[in-house]
Protein backbone atom coordinates (compact mmCIF):
# COMPACT_ATOMS: atom_id res chain seq x y z
CA MET A 1 41.56 -4.30 -8.28
CA ALA A 2 41.18 -0.81 -6.77
CA ALA A 3 37.94 -0.32 -8.71
CA ALA A 4 36.58 -3.60 -7.36
CA MET A 5 37.50 -2.64 -3.79
CA GLY A 6 35.87 0.74 -4.28
CA ALA A 7 32.66 -0.98 -5.44
CA VAL A 8 32.69 -3.27 -2.39
CA ILE A 9 33.20 -0.32 -0.03
CA ARG A 10 30.36 1.62 -1.71
CA ARG A 11 28.03 -1.39 -1.29
CA LEU A 12 28.97 -1.72 2.38
CA HIS A 13 28.29 1.98 2.97
CA ALA A 14 24.97 1.74 1.13
CA ALA A 15 23.99 -1.29 3.23
CA ALA A 16 24.93 0.53 6.45
CA ALA A 17 22.97 3.59 5.37
CA ALA A 18 19.95 1.40 4.60
CA GLN A 19 19.84 0.08 8.17
CA PRO A 20 16.97 1.60 10.14
CA PRO A 21 17.88 3.62 13.21
CA ARG A 22 18.06 2.03 16.66
CA LEU A 23 14.79 1.74 18.60
CA THR A 24 14.74 4.03 21.64
CA LYS A 25 11.14 3.65 22.85
CA LEU A 26 8.27 1.23 22.51
CA ALA A 27 5.07 2.14 24.34
CA LEU A 28 1.98 -0.02 24.31
CA HIS A 29 -1.33 1.86 24.36
CA PRO A 30 -3.78 -1.06 24.65
CA PRO A 31 -6.11 -1.80 23.11
CA LYS A 32 -5.64 0.68 20.27
CA SER A 33 -1.99 1.27 19.33
CA VAL A 34 1.75 1.00 19.78
CA GLU A 35 4.09 3.98 19.75
CA VAL A 36 7.68 3.50 18.61
CA GLU A 37 10.54 6.02 18.54
CA PHE A 38 13.93 5.65 16.93
CA ALA A 39 17.35 7.23 17.52
CA ASP A 40 17.03 9.42 14.43
CA GLY A 41 14.04 11.18 15.99
CA THR A 42 11.35 9.44 13.95
CA SER A 43 8.32 8.23 15.85
CA PHE A 44 5.24 6.37 14.75
CA HIS A 45 1.83 5.50 16.19
CA LEU A 46 0.77 2.18 14.72
CA SER A 47 -2.84 1.10 15.16
CA ALA A 48 -3.81 -2.37 16.34
CA GLU A 49 -5.64 -3.03 13.06
CA PHE A 50 -2.60 -2.01 11.00
CA LEU A 51 -0.24 -4.16 13.06
CA ARG A 52 -2.61 -7.14 12.93
CA VAL A 53 -3.03 -6.90 9.17
CA TYR A 54 0.72 -6.61 8.63
CA SER A 55 1.70 -9.19 11.23
CA PRO A 56 4.77 -11.04 9.95
CA ALA A 57 3.31 -14.48 10.71
CA ALA A 58 1.42 -17.07 8.76
CA ASP A 59 -2.09 -17.21 10.11
CA SER A 60 -5.02 -19.55 9.65
CA LYS A 61 -7.43 -16.60 9.60
CA ILE A 62 -6.01 -15.31 6.31
CA ARG A 63 -8.27 -15.77 3.34
CA SER A 64 -6.66 -16.63 0.03
CA VAL A 65 -8.51 -14.78 -2.72
CA GLY A 66 -7.27 -15.24 -6.25
CA GLY A 67 -3.87 -16.31 -4.96
CA GLU A 68 -3.58 -13.23 -2.73
CA LYS A 69 -3.54 -13.63 1.03
CA VAL A 70 -5.97 -11.13 2.51
CA ILE A 71 -6.75 -10.45 6.16
CA PHE A 72 -10.10 -8.76 6.58
CA GLY A 73 -12.55 -7.79 9.31
CA ARG A 74 -9.92 -6.50 11.74
CA ARG A 75 -11.01 -2.87 12.17
CA LEU A 76 -11.97 -3.45 15.82
CA VAL A 77 -9.12 -5.76 16.81
CA GLY A 78 -7.30 -4.77 19.99
CA ILE A 79 -3.93 -5.31 21.55
CA MET A 80 -4.00 -7.28 24.80
CA SER A 81 -0.30 -7.46 25.64
CA ALA A 82 3.23 -7.66 24.27
CA GLU A 83 6.38 -9.49 25.24
CA SER A 84 9.97 -8.80 24.36
CA VAL A 85 11.72 -11.25 22.05
CA GLY A 86 15.45 -11.07 22.64
CA ASN A 87 16.84 -7.62 21.96
CA TYR A 88 15.47 -7.41 18.44
CA GLY A 89 11.68 -7.51 18.56
CA VAL A 90 8.32 -7.84 20.25
CA ARG A 91 5.50 -10.39 20.05
CA ILE A 92 2.07 -8.78 20.25
CA LEU A 93 -1.00 -10.65 21.50
CA PHE A 94 -4.17 -9.40 19.82
CA ASP A 95 -7.68 -9.95 21.16
CA ASP A 96 -8.50 -12.24 18.22
CA LEU A 97 -5.84 -14.45 19.89
CA HIS A 98 -3.27 -13.98 17.13
CA LYS A 99 0.17 -14.04 18.74
CA THR A 100 2.63 -15.74 16.43
CA GLY A 101 4.11 -12.71 14.68
CA ILE A 102 7.40 -11.24 15.88
CA PHE A 103 7.72 -7.58 15.00
CA THR A 104 11.44 -6.81 14.71
CA TRP A 105 12.64 -3.26 15.27
CA ASP A 106 13.55 -3.08 11.56
CA TYR A 107 10.07 -4.22 10.57
CA LEU A 108 8.38 -1.71 12.90
CA HIS A 109 10.48 1.05 11.33
CA HIS A 110 9.47 -0.16 7.86
CA LEU A 111 5.79 -0.23 8.84
CA GLY A 112 5.95 3.24 10.36
CA SER A 113 7.86 4.72 7.44
CA ASN A 114 5.37 3.29 4.94
CA LYS A 115 2.13 3.14 6.91
CA PHE A 116 0.06 5.41 4.66
CA SER A 117 0.96 3.65 1.41
CA LEU A 118 0.60 0.22 3.06
CA MET A 119 -2.83 1.09 4.45
CA ARG A 120 -3.99 2.46 1.06
CA SER A 121 -2.78 -0.74 -0.60
CA TYR A 122 -4.59 -2.86 2.00
CA ILE A 123 -7.87 -0.99 1.51
CA ARG A 124 -7.54 -1.26 -2.28
CA THR A 125 -7.00 -5.03 -1.96
CA LEU A 126 -10.09 -5.37 0.23
CA ARG A 127 -12.21 -3.43 -2.25
CA LYS A 128 -10.85 -5.46 -5.15
CA HIS A 129 -12.09 -8.64 -3.47
CA GLY A 130 -15.34 -7.22 -2.05
CA LEU A 131 -14.14 -7.56 1.55
CA SER A 132 -14.43 -5.17 4.50
CA ARG A 133 -12.29 -3.91 7.36
CA ASP A 134 -15.33 -4.44 9.61
CA PRO A 135 -15.82 -7.78 11.37
CA GLN A 136 -18.41 -10.15 9.98
CA ARG A 137 -21.68 -10.12 11.89
CA ARG A 138 -22.55 -13.28 13.75
CA LYS A 139 -25.76 -15.00 12.74
């Protein structure tokens, strides 16, 4: 019984340790980026393109290529505005009119903590499918 309780306590401590720190600052720098700071001193500048590509919403402008959902052509996307969603997140309105994704504080911390590997992965996926970060030219 004591061993089982010890295991439960260790899992609770691990879960608490895995929680991202509390958000202390969110600054919009339209049209190019968002700056976020957390209580542990970490801060991140997240570009509009990066946020748009990793928006946590289903979107009709996503192309399904070989079963993978790929957003492309967003290098020049801008941020128009943002609105608070409760005390847990923010909804960002992009100039391609995408506005359905709610970026929670936890998700923003995840994006900031992993932005270089996520961006590399995104670029690799685009190359794999012959797509570009640049918008398609209008005919």
